Amino acid sequence: MDHKNAVVADGHGISLGVNGSPVDFPRYAVAAVTHSEAGRGYGLTVAVLLTDGVTHTCRVTTRSEAELDDWIDQLTLVVEQFIPLRP
């Protein structure tokens, strides 16, 4: 999360907060989650593809390369464990 945007992922799903407005996507509605770096130490763009074909994106930024790496590691761990995991 940065000063205006956020990505929160857990076993329930994923939330993207853009300019302080969060949008929640429950795990069952998520088909895939991808990410791309926008330059080392600068940012991470997360894309959430829903089962209905709609994609939502959010970009979070940091000045710390270590923090960016931590965000990527945490997101990867959650996605591998929970999404897409359908009942």
PDB file of N, CA and C in Angstrom:
ATOM      1  N   MET A   1       0.837  -1.160   0.000  1.00  0.00           N
ATOM      2  CA  MET A   1       0.000   0.000   0.000  1.00  0.00           C
ATOM      3  C   MET A   1       0.890   1.233   0.000  1.00  0.00           C
ATOM      4  N   ASP A   2       0.458   2.246  -0.696  1.00  0.00           N
ATOM      5  CA  ASP A   2       1.182   3.513  -0.669  1.00  0.00           C
ATOM      6  C   ASP A   2       0.272   4.578  -0.062  1.00  0.00           C
ATOM      7  N   HIS A   3       0.572   5.838  -0.261  1.00  0.00           N
ATOM      8  CA  HIS A   3      -0.202   6.900   0.401  1.00  0.00           C
ATOM      9  C   HIS A   3      -1.610   7.091  -0.157  1.00  0.00           C
ATOM     10  N   LYS A   4      -1.923   6.542  -1.352  1.00  0.00           N
ATOM     11  CA  LYS A   4      -3.279   6.702  -1.878  1.00  0.00           C
ATOM     12  C   LYS A   4      -3.887   5.433  -2.453  1.00  0.00           C
ATOM     13  N   ASN A   5      -3.101   4.422  -2.749  1.00  0.00           N
ATOM     14  CA  ASN A   5      -3.610   3.173  -3.317  1.00  0.00           C
ATOM     15  C   ASN A   5      -3.198   1.996  -2.449  1.00  0.00           C
ATOM     16  N   ALA A   6      -3.946   0.894  -2.575  1.00  0.00           N
ATOM     17  CA  ALA A   6      -3.637  -0.281  -1.762  1.00  0.00           C
ATOM     18  C   ALA A   6      -4.091  -1.552  -2.457  1.00  0.00           C
ATOM     19  N   VAL A   7      -3.383  -2.631  -2.168  1.00  0.00           N
ATOM     20  CA  VAL A   7      -3.759  -3.973  -2.598  1.00  0.00           C
ATOM     21  C   VAL A   7      -3.732  -4.836  -1.348  1.00  0.00           C
ATOM     22  N   VAL A   8      -4.856  -5.476  -1.055  1.00  0.00           N
ATOM     23  CA  VAL A   8      -4.937  -6.364   0.102  1.00  0.00           C
ATOM     24  C   VAL A   8      -5.460  -7.704  -0.393  1.00  0.00           C
ATOM     25  N   ALA A   9      -4.690  -8.767  -0.161  1.00  0.00           N
ATOM     26  CA  ALA A   9      -5.083 -10.107  -0.598  1.00  0.00           C
ATOM     27  C   ALA A   9      -4.993 -11.052   0.586  1.00  0.00           C
ATOM     28  N   ASP A  10      -6.028 -11.877   0.720  1.00  0.00           N
ATOM     29  CA  ASP A  10      -6.016 -12.890   1.769  1.00  0.00           C
ATOM     30  C   ASP A  10      -6.890 -14.058   1.323  1.00  0.00           C
ATOM     31  N   GLY A  11      -7.175 -14.956   2.229  1.00  0.00           N
ATOM     32  CA  GLY A  11      -7.957 -16.142   1.896  1.00  0.00           C
ATOM     33  C   GLY A  11      -9.387 -15.855   1.492  1.00  0.00           C
ATOM     34  N   HIS A  12      -9.886 -14.663   1.758  1.00  0.00           N
ATOM     35  CA  HIS A  12     -11.257 -14.296   1.395  1.00  0.00           C
ATOM     36  C   HIS A  12     -11.348 -13.705  -0.007  1.00  0.00           C
ATOM     37  N   GLY A  13     -10.238 -13.165  -0.517  1.00  0.00           N
ATOM     38  CA  GLY A  13     -10.255 -12.544  -1.833  1.00  0.00           C
ATOM     39  C   GLY A  13      -9.202 -11.462  -1.932  1.00  0.00           C
ATOM     40  N   ILE A  14      -9.496 -10.468  -2.743  1.00  0.00           N
ATOM     41  CA  ILE A  14      -8.544  -9.382  -2.953  1.00  0.00           C
ATOM     42  C   ILE A  14      -9.301  -8.055  -3.014  1.00  0.00           C
ATOM     43  N   SER A  15      -8.696  -7.030  -2.450  1.00  0.00           N
ATOM     44  CA  SER A  15      -9.270  -5.682  -2.489  1.00  0.00           C
ATOM     45  C   SER A  15      -8.272  -4.752  -3.153  1.00  0.00           C
ATOM     46  N   LEU A  16      -8.778  -3.916  -4.019  1.00  0.00           N
ATOM     47  CA  LEU A  16      -7.968  -2.886  -4.646  1.00  0.00           C
ATOM     48  C   LEU A  16      -8.502  -1.545  -4.178  1.00  0.00           C
ATOM     49  N   GLY A  17      -7.635  -0.735  -3.621  1.00  0.00           N
ATOM     50  CA  GLY A  17      -8.016   0.594  -3.188  1.00  0.00           C
ATOM     51  C   GLY A  17      -7.357   1.617  -4.084  1.00  0.00           C
ATOM     52  N   VAL A  18      -8.158   2.346  -4.835  1.00  0.00           N
ATOM     53  CA  VAL A  18      -7.642   3.348  -5.754  1.00  0.00           C
ATOM     54  C   VAL A  18      -8.144   4.713  -5.290  1.00  0.00           C
ATOM     55  N   ASN A  19      -7.187   5.588  -4.989  1.00  0.00           N
ATOM     56  CA  ASN A  19      -7.523   6.924  -4.487  1.00  0.00           C
ATOM     57  C   ASN A  19      -8.457   6.874  -3.280  1.00  0.00           C
ATOM     58  N   GLY A  20      -8.219   5.907  -2.405  1.00  0.00           N
ATOM     59  CA  GLY A  20      -8.989   5.795  -1.172  1.00  0.00           C
ATOM     60  C   GLY A  20     -10.329   5.096  -1.285  1.00  0.00           C
ATOM     61  N   SER A  21     -10.670   4.631  -2.477  1.00  0.00           N
ATOM     62  CA  SER A  21     -11.940   3.928  -2.676  1.00  0.00           C
ATOM     63  C   SER A  21     -11.687   2.443  -2.904  1.00  0.00           C
ATOM     64  N   PRO A  22     -11.942   1.608  -1.896  1.00  0.00           N
ATOM     65  CA  PRO A  22     -11.679   0.183  -2.057  1.00  0.00           C
ATOM     66  C   PRO A  22     -12.787  -0.540  -2.820  1.00  0.00           C
ATOM     67  N   VAL A  23     -12.372  -1.539  -3.576  1.00  0.00           N
ATOM     68  CA  VAL A  23     -13.301  -2.434  -4.262  1.00  0.00           C
ATOM     69  C   VAL A  23     -12.876  -3.844  -3.873  1.00  0.00           C
ATOM     70  N   ASP A  24     -13.816  -4.616  -3.334  1.00  0.00           N
ATOM     71  CA  ASP A  24     -13.530  -5.961  -2.860  1.00  0.00           C
ATOM     72  C   ASP A  24     -13.987  -6.994  -3.872  1.00  0.00           C
ATOM     73  N   PHE A  25     -13.132  -7.993  -4.089  1.00  0.00           N
ATOM     74  CA  PHE A  25     -13.457  -9.095  -4.981  1.00  0.00           C
ATOM     75  C   PHE A  25     -13.324 -10.389  -4.188  1.00  0.00           C
ATOM     76  N   PRO A  26     -14.437 -11.092  -3.947  1.00  0.00           N
ATOM     77  CA  PRO A  26     -14.355 -12.343  -3.203  1.00  0.00           C
ATOM     78  C   PRO A  26     -13.611 -13.406  -4.006  1.00  0.00           C
ATOM     79  N   ARG A  27     -13.015 -14.315  -3.300  1.00  0.00           N
ATOM     80  CA  ARG A  27     -12.180 -15.349  -3.914  1.00  0.00           C
ATOM     81  C   ARG A  27     -12.895 -16.071  -5.053  1.00  0.00           C
ATOM     82  N   TYR A  28     -14.175 -16.402  -4.876  1.00  0.00           N
ATOM     83  CA  TYR A  28     -14.897 -17.164  -5.900  1.00  0.00           C
ATOM     84  C   TYR A  28     -15.081 -16.376  -7.200  1.00  0.00           C
ATOM     85  N   ALA A  29     -14.978 -15.039  -7.152  1.00  0.00           N
ATOM     86  CA  ALA A  29     -15.169 -14.215  -8.348  1.00  0.00           C
ATOM     87  C   ALA A  29     -13.872 -13.943  -9.101  1.00  0.00           C
ATOM     88  N   VAL A  30     -12.737 -14.359  -8.523  1.00  0.00           N
ATOM     89  CA  VAL A  30     -11.425 -14.065  -9.108  1.00  0.00           C
ATOM     90  C   VAL A  30     -10.947 -15.245  -9.942  1.00  0.00           C
ATOM     91  N   ALA A  31     -10.692 -14.981 -11.219  1.00  0.00           N
ATOM     92  CA  ALA A  31     -10.158 -16.014 -12.108  1.00  0.00           C
ATOM     93  C   ALA A  31      -8.639 -16.044 -12.068  1.00  0.00           C
ATOM     94  N   ALA A  32      -8.012 -14.878 -11.941  1.00  0.00           N
ATOM     95  CA  ALA A  32      -6.545 -14.799 -11.930  1.00  0.00           C
ATOM     96  C   ALA A  32      -6.098 -13.455 -11.376  1.00  0.00           C
ATOM     97  N   VAL A  33      -4.889 -13.450 -10.838  1.00  0.00           N
ATOM     98  CA  VAL A  33      -4.252 -12.221 -10.366  1.00  0.00           C
ATOM     99  C   VAL A  33      -2.851 -12.191 -10.958  1.00  0.00           C
ATOM    100  N   THR A  34      -2.514 -11.095 -11.607  1.00  0.00           N
ATOM    101  CA  THR A  34      -1.170 -10.943 -12.166  1.00  0.00           C
ATOM    102  C   THR A  34      -0.580  -9.631 -11.665  1.00  0.00           C
ATOM    103  N   HIS A  35       0.721  -9.524 -11.793  1.00  0.00           N
ATOM    104  CA  HIS A  35       1.370  -8.274 -11.400  1.00  0.00           C
ATOM    105  C   HIS A  35       2.541  -8.000 -12.333  1.00  0.00           C
ATOM    106  N   SER A  36       2.896  -6.734 -12.415  1.00  0.00           N
ATOM    107  CA  SER A  36       4.075  -6.335 -13.183  1.00  0.00           C
ATOM    108  C   SER A  36       4.733  -5.175 -12.458  1.00  0.00           C
ATOM    109  N   GLU A  37       6.042  -5.162 -12.517  1.00  0.00           N
ATOM    110  CA  GLU A  37       6.794  -4.082 -11.883  1.00  0.00           C
ATOM    111  C   GLU A  37       6.901  -2.915 -12.849  1.00  0.00           C
ATOM    112  N   ALA A  38       6.789  -1.731 -12.288  1.00  0.00           N
ATOM    113  CA  ALA A  38       6.915  -0.518 -13.083  1.00  0.00           C
ATOM    114  C   ALA A  38       8.249   0.133 -12.755  1.00  0.00           C
ATOM    115  N   GLY A  39       9.320  -0.613 -12.892  1.00  0.00           N
ATOM    116  CA  GLY A  39      10.648  -0.108 -12.575  1.00  0.00           C
ATOM    117  C   GLY A  39      11.056  -0.484 -11.171  1.00  0.00           C
ATOM    118  N   ARG A  40      12.258  -0.975 -11.005  1.00  0.00           N
ATOM    119  CA  ARG A  40      12.731  -1.401  -9.690  1.00  0.00           C
ATOM    120  C   ARG A  40      12.668  -0.248  -8.699  1.00  0.00           C
ATOM    121  N   GLY A  41      12.064  -0.526  -7.558  1.00  0.00           N
ATOM    122  CA  GLY A  41      11.976   0.470  -6.517  1.00  0.00           C
ATOM    123  C   GLY A  41      10.938   1.539  -6.751  1.00  0.00           C
ATOM    124  N   TYR A  42      10.112   1.384  -7.779  1.00  0.00           N
ATOM    125  CA  TYR A  42       9.130   2.427  -8.074  1.00  0.00           C
ATOM    126  C   TYR A  42       7.683   1.981  -7.932  1.00  0.00           C
ATOM    127  N   GLY A  43       7.318   0.843  -8.481  1.00  0.00           N
ATOM    128  CA  GLY A  43       5.907   0.501  -8.396  1.00  0.00           C
ATOM    129  C   GLY A  43       5.557  -0.892  -8.827  1.00  0.00           C
ATOM    130  N   LEU A  44       4.347  -1.241  -8.484  1.00  0.00           N
ATOM    131  CA  LEU A  44       3.809  -2.552  -8.786  1.00  0.00           C
ATOM    132  C   LEU A  44       2.381  -2.353  -9.264  1.00  0.00           C
ATOM    133  N   THR A  45       2.064  -2.908 -10.431  1.00  0.00           N
ATOM    134  CA  THR A  45       0.704  -2.876 -10.941  1.00  0.00           C
ATOM    135  C   THR A  45       0.116  -4.265 -10.788  1.00  0.00           C
ATOM    136  N   VAL A  46      -1.034  -4.337 -10.120  1.00  0.00           N
ATOM    137  CA  VAL A  46      -1.718  -5.606  -9.893  1.00  0.00           C
ATOM    138  C   VAL A  46      -2.988  -5.607 -10.722  1.00  0.00           C
ATOM    139  N   ALA A  47      -3.205  -6.700 -11.460  1.00  0.00           N
ATOM    140  CA  ALA A  47      -4.405  -6.854 -12.277  1.00  0.00           C
ATOM    141  C   ALA A  47      -5.204  -8.038 -11.747  1.00  0.00           C
ATOM    142  N   VAL A  48      -6.495  -7.821 -11.546  1.00  0.00           N
ATOM    143  CA  VAL A  48      -7.398  -8.867 -11.083  1.00  0.00           C
ATOM    144  C   VAL A  48      -8.376  -9.162 -12.215  1.00  0.00           C
ATOM    145  N   LEU A  49      -8.321 -10.387 -12.730  1.00  0.00           N
ATOM    146  CA  LEU A  49      -9.251 -10.834 -13.765  1.00  0.00           C
ATOM    147  C   LEU A  49     -10.381 -11.581 -13.076  1.00  0.00           C
ATOM    148  N   LEU A  50     -11.591 -11.122 -13.289  1.00  0.00           N
ATOM    149  CA  LEU A  50     -12.751 -11.758 -12.678  1.00  0.00           C
ATOM    150  C   LEU A  50     -13.298 -12.861 -13.576  1.00  0.00           C
ATOM    151  N   THR A  51     -14.094 -13.728 -12.995  1.00  0.00           N
ATOM    152  CA  THR A  51     -14.657 -14.844 -13.759  1.00  0.00           C
ATOM    153  C   THR A  51     -15.604 -14.377 -14.855  1.00  0.00           C
ATOM    154  N   ASP A  52     -16.103 -13.142 -14.764  1.00  0.00           N
ATOM    155  CA  ASP A  52     -16.976 -12.616 -15.821  1.00  0.00           C
ATOM    156  C   ASP A  52     -16.191 -11.942 -16.946  1.00  0.00           C
ATOM    157  N   GLY A  53     -14.843 -11.997 -16.861  1.00  0.00           N
ATOM    158  CA  GLY A  53     -13.998 -11.453 -17.917  1.00  0.00           C
ATOM    159  C   GLY A  53     -13.546 -10.020 -17.712  1.00  0.00           C
ATOM    160  N   VAL A  54     -14.055  -9.343 -16.704  1.00  0.00           N
ATOM    161  CA  VAL A  54     -13.676  -7.957 -16.424  1.00  0.00           C
ATOM    162  C   VAL A  54     -12.344  -7.935 -15.670  1.00  0.00           C
ATOM    163  N   THR A  55     -11.477  -6.992 -16.024  1.00  0.00           N
ATOM    164  CA  THR A  55     -10.190  -6.835 -15.349  1.00  0.00           C
ATOM    165  C   THR A  55     -10.147  -5.491 -14.638  1.00  0.00           C
ATOM    166  N   HIS A  56      -9.655  -5.523 -13.403  1.00  0.00           N
ATOM    167  CA  HIS A  56      -9.462  -4.317 -12.606  1.00  0.00           C
ATOM    168  C   HIS A  56      -7.978  -4.228 -12.262  1.00  0.00           C
ATOM    169  N   THR A  57      -7.432  -3.009 -12.272  1.00  0.00           N
ATOM    170  CA  THR A  57      -6.016  -2.831 -11.961  1.00  0.00           C
ATOM    171  C   THR A  57      -5.823  -1.783 -10.874  1.00  0.00           C
ATOM    172  N   CYS A  58      -4.672  -1.891 -10.229  1.00  0.00           N
ATOM    173  CA  CYS A  58      -4.288  -0.930  -9.204  1.00  0.00           C
ATOM    174  C   CYS A  58      -2.762  -0.854  -9.210  1.00  0.00           C
ATOM    175  N   ARG A  59      -2.237   0.358  -9.094  1.00  0.00           N
ATOM    176  CA  ARG A  59      -0.791   0.554  -9.046  1.00  0.00           C
ATOM    177  C   ARG A  59      -0.414   1.149  -7.703  1.00  0.00           C
ATOM    178  N   VAL A  60       0.507   0.482  -7.024  1.00  0.00           N
ATOM    179  CA  VAL A  60       1.037   0.980  -5.759  1.00  0.00           C
ATOM    180  C   VAL A  60       2.506   1.303  -5.958  1.00  0.00           C
ATOM    181  N   THR A  61       2.981   2.332  -5.261  1.00  0.00           N
ATOM    182  CA  THR A  61       4.357   2.766  -5.447  1.00  0.00           C
ATOM    183  C   THR A  61       5.101   2.829  -4.125  1.00  0.00           C
ATOM    184  N   THR A  62       6.407   2.729  -4.228  1.00  0.00           N
ATOM    185  CA  THR A  62       7.289   2.831  -3.077  1.00  0.00           C
ATOM    186  C   THR A  62       8.643   3.326  -3.558  1.00  0.00           C
ATOM    187  N   ARG A  63       9.413   3.864  -2.644  1.00  0.00           N
ATOM    188  CA  ARG A  63      10.785   4.259  -2.978  1.00  0.00           C
ATOM    189  C   ARG A  63      11.778   3.223  -2.478  1.00  0.00           C
ATOM    190  N   SER A  64      11.262   2.151  -1.874  1.00  0.00           N
ATOM    191  CA  SER A  64      12.112   1.125  -1.290  1.00  0.00           C
ATOM    192  C   SER A  64      12.064  -0.162  -2.113  1.00  0.00           C
ATOM    193  N   GLU A  65      13.199  -0.565  -2.626  1.00  0.00           N
ATOM    194  CA  GLU A  65      13.266  -1.807  -3.395  1.00  0.00           C
ATOM    195  C   GLU A  65      12.936  -2.999  -2.506  1.00  0.00           C
ATOM    196  N   ALA A  66      13.357  -2.966  -1.249  1.00  0.00           N
ATOM    197  CA  ALA A  66      13.068  -4.058  -0.318  1.00  0.00           C
ATOM    198  C   ALA A  66      11.562  -4.160  -0.062  1.00  0.00           C
ATOM    199  N   GLU A  67      10.885  -3.022   0.083  1.00  0.00           N
ATOM    200  CA  GLU A  67       9.444  -3.044   0.297  1.00  0.00           C
ATOM    201  C   GLU A  67       8.726  -3.586  -0.931  1.00  0.00           C
ATOM    202  N   LEU A  68       9.159  -3.195  -2.117  1.00  0.00           N
ATOM    203  CA  LEU A  68       8.574  -3.713  -3.356  1.00  0.00           C
ATOM    204  C   LEU A  68       8.735  -5.225  -3.417  1.00  0.00           C
ATOM    205  N   ASP A  69       9.918  -5.725  -3.110  1.00  0.00           N
ATOM    206  CA  ASP A  69      10.153  -7.169  -3.110  1.00  0.00           C
ATOM    207  C   ASP A  69       9.240  -7.873  -2.106  1.00  0.00           C
ATOM    208  N   ASP A  70       9.047  -7.260  -0.937  1.00  0.00           N
ATOM    209  CA  ASP A  70       8.179  -7.832   0.083  1.00  0.00           C
ATOM    210  C   ASP A  70       6.736  -7.889  -0.403  1.00  0.00           C
ATOM    211  N   TRP A  71       6.266  -6.817  -1.035  1.00  0.00           N
ATOM    212  CA  TRP A  71       4.912  -6.809  -1.580  1.00  0.00           C
ATOM    213  C   TRP A  71       4.729  -7.938  -2.591  1.00  0.00           C
ATOM    214  N   ILE A  72       5.692  -8.098  -3.479  1.00  0.00           N
ATOM    215  CA  ILE A  72       5.613  -9.138  -4.507  1.00  0.00           C
ATOM    216  C   ILE A  72       5.597 -10.514  -3.864  1.00  0.00           C
ATOM    217  N   ASP A  73       6.472 -10.732  -2.894  1.00  0.00           N
ATOM    218  CA  ASP A  73       6.528 -12.029  -2.209  1.00  0.00           C
ATOM    219  C   ASP A  73       5.212 -12.351  -1.516  1.00  0.00           C
ATOM    220  N   GLN A  74       4.650 -11.375  -0.809  1.00  0.00           N
ATOM    221  CA  GLN A  74       3.397 -11.598  -0.089  1.00  0.00           C
ATOM    222  C   GLN A  74       2.234 -11.857  -1.048  1.00  0.00           C
ATOM    223  N   LEU A  75       2.157 -11.077  -2.108  1.00  0.00           N
ATOM    224  CA  LEU A  75       1.089 -11.263  -3.088  1.00  0.00           C
ATOM    225  C   LEU A  75       1.195 -12.633  -3.741  1.00  0.00           C
ATOM    226  N   THR A  76       2.400 -13.014  -4.122  1.00  0.00           N
ATOM    227  CA  THR A  76       2.616 -14.317  -4.750  1.00  0.00           C
ATOM    228  C   THR A  76       2.193 -15.447  -3.828  1.00  0.00           C
ATOM    229  N   LEU A  77       2.546 -15.353  -2.562  1.00  0.00           N
ATOM    230  CA  LEU A  77       2.188 -16.377  -1.589  1.00  0.00           C
ATOM    231  C   LEU A  77       0.673 -16.521  -1.465  1.00  0.00           C
ATOM    232  N   VAL A  78      -0.027 -15.422  -1.332  1.00  0.00           N
ATOM    233  CA  VAL A  78      -1.485 -15.480  -1.180  1.00  0.00           C
ATOM    234  C   VAL A  78      -2.139 -16.019  -2.438  1.00  0.00           C
ATOM    235  N   VAL A  79      -1.711 -15.542  -3.588  1.00  0.00           N
ATOM    236  CA  VAL A  79      -2.306 -15.992  -4.846  1.00  0.00           C
ATOM    237  C   VAL A  79      -2.079 -17.493  -5.038  1.00  0.00           C
ATOM    238  N   GLU A  80      -0.876 -17.963  -4.756  1.00  0.00           N
ATOM    239  CA  GLU A  80      -0.589 -19.393  -4.906  1.00  0.00           C
ATOM    240  C   GLU A  80      -1.440 -20.236  -3.965  1.00  0.00           C
ATOM    241  N   GLN A  81      -1.709 -19.738  -2.768  1.00  0.00           N
ATOM    242  CA  GLN A  81      -2.447 -20.517  -1.782  1.00  0.00           C
ATOM    243  C   GLN A  81      -3.958 -20.457  -1.949  1.00  0.00           C
ATOM    244  N   PHE A  82      -4.490 -19.336  -2.396  1.00  0.00           N
ATOM    245  CA  PHE A  82      -5.931 -19.156  -2.340  1.00  0.00           C
ATOM    246  C   PHE A  82      -6.641 -18.847  -3.646  1.00  0.00           C
ATOM    247  N   ILE A  83      -5.967 -18.282  -4.620  1.00  0.00           N
ATOM    248  CA  ILE A  83      -6.665 -17.803  -5.810  1.00  0.00           C
ATOM    249  C   ILE A  83      -6.040 -18.424  -7.042  1.00  0.00           C
ATOM    250  N   PRO A  84      -6.752 -18.993  -7.972  1.00  0.00           N
ATOM    251  CA  PRO A  84      -8.173 -19.260  -7.850  1.00  0.00           C
ATOM    252  C   PRO A  84      -8.405 -20.614  -7.163  1.00  0.00           C
ATOM    253  N   LEU A  85      -9.064 -20.583  -6.075  1.00  0.00           N
ATOM    254  CA  LEU A  85      -9.442 -21.791  -5.338  1.00  0.00           C
ATOM    255  C   LEU A  85     -10.950 -21.765  -5.242  1.00  0.00           C
ATOM    256  N   ARG A  86     -11.585 -22.665  -5.942  1.00  0.00           N
ATOM    257  CA  ARG A  86     -13.044 -22.654  -5.988  1.00  0.00           C
ATOM    258  C   ARG A  86     -13.591 -23.817  -5.162  1.00  0.00           C
ATOM    259  N   PRO A  87     -14.711 -23.564  -4.492  1.00  0.00           N
ATOM    260  CA  PRO A  87     -15.324 -24.629  -3.673  1.00  0.00           C
ATOM    261  C   PRO A  87     -15.817 -25.769  -4.508  1.00  0.00           C
TER     262      PRO A  87
END
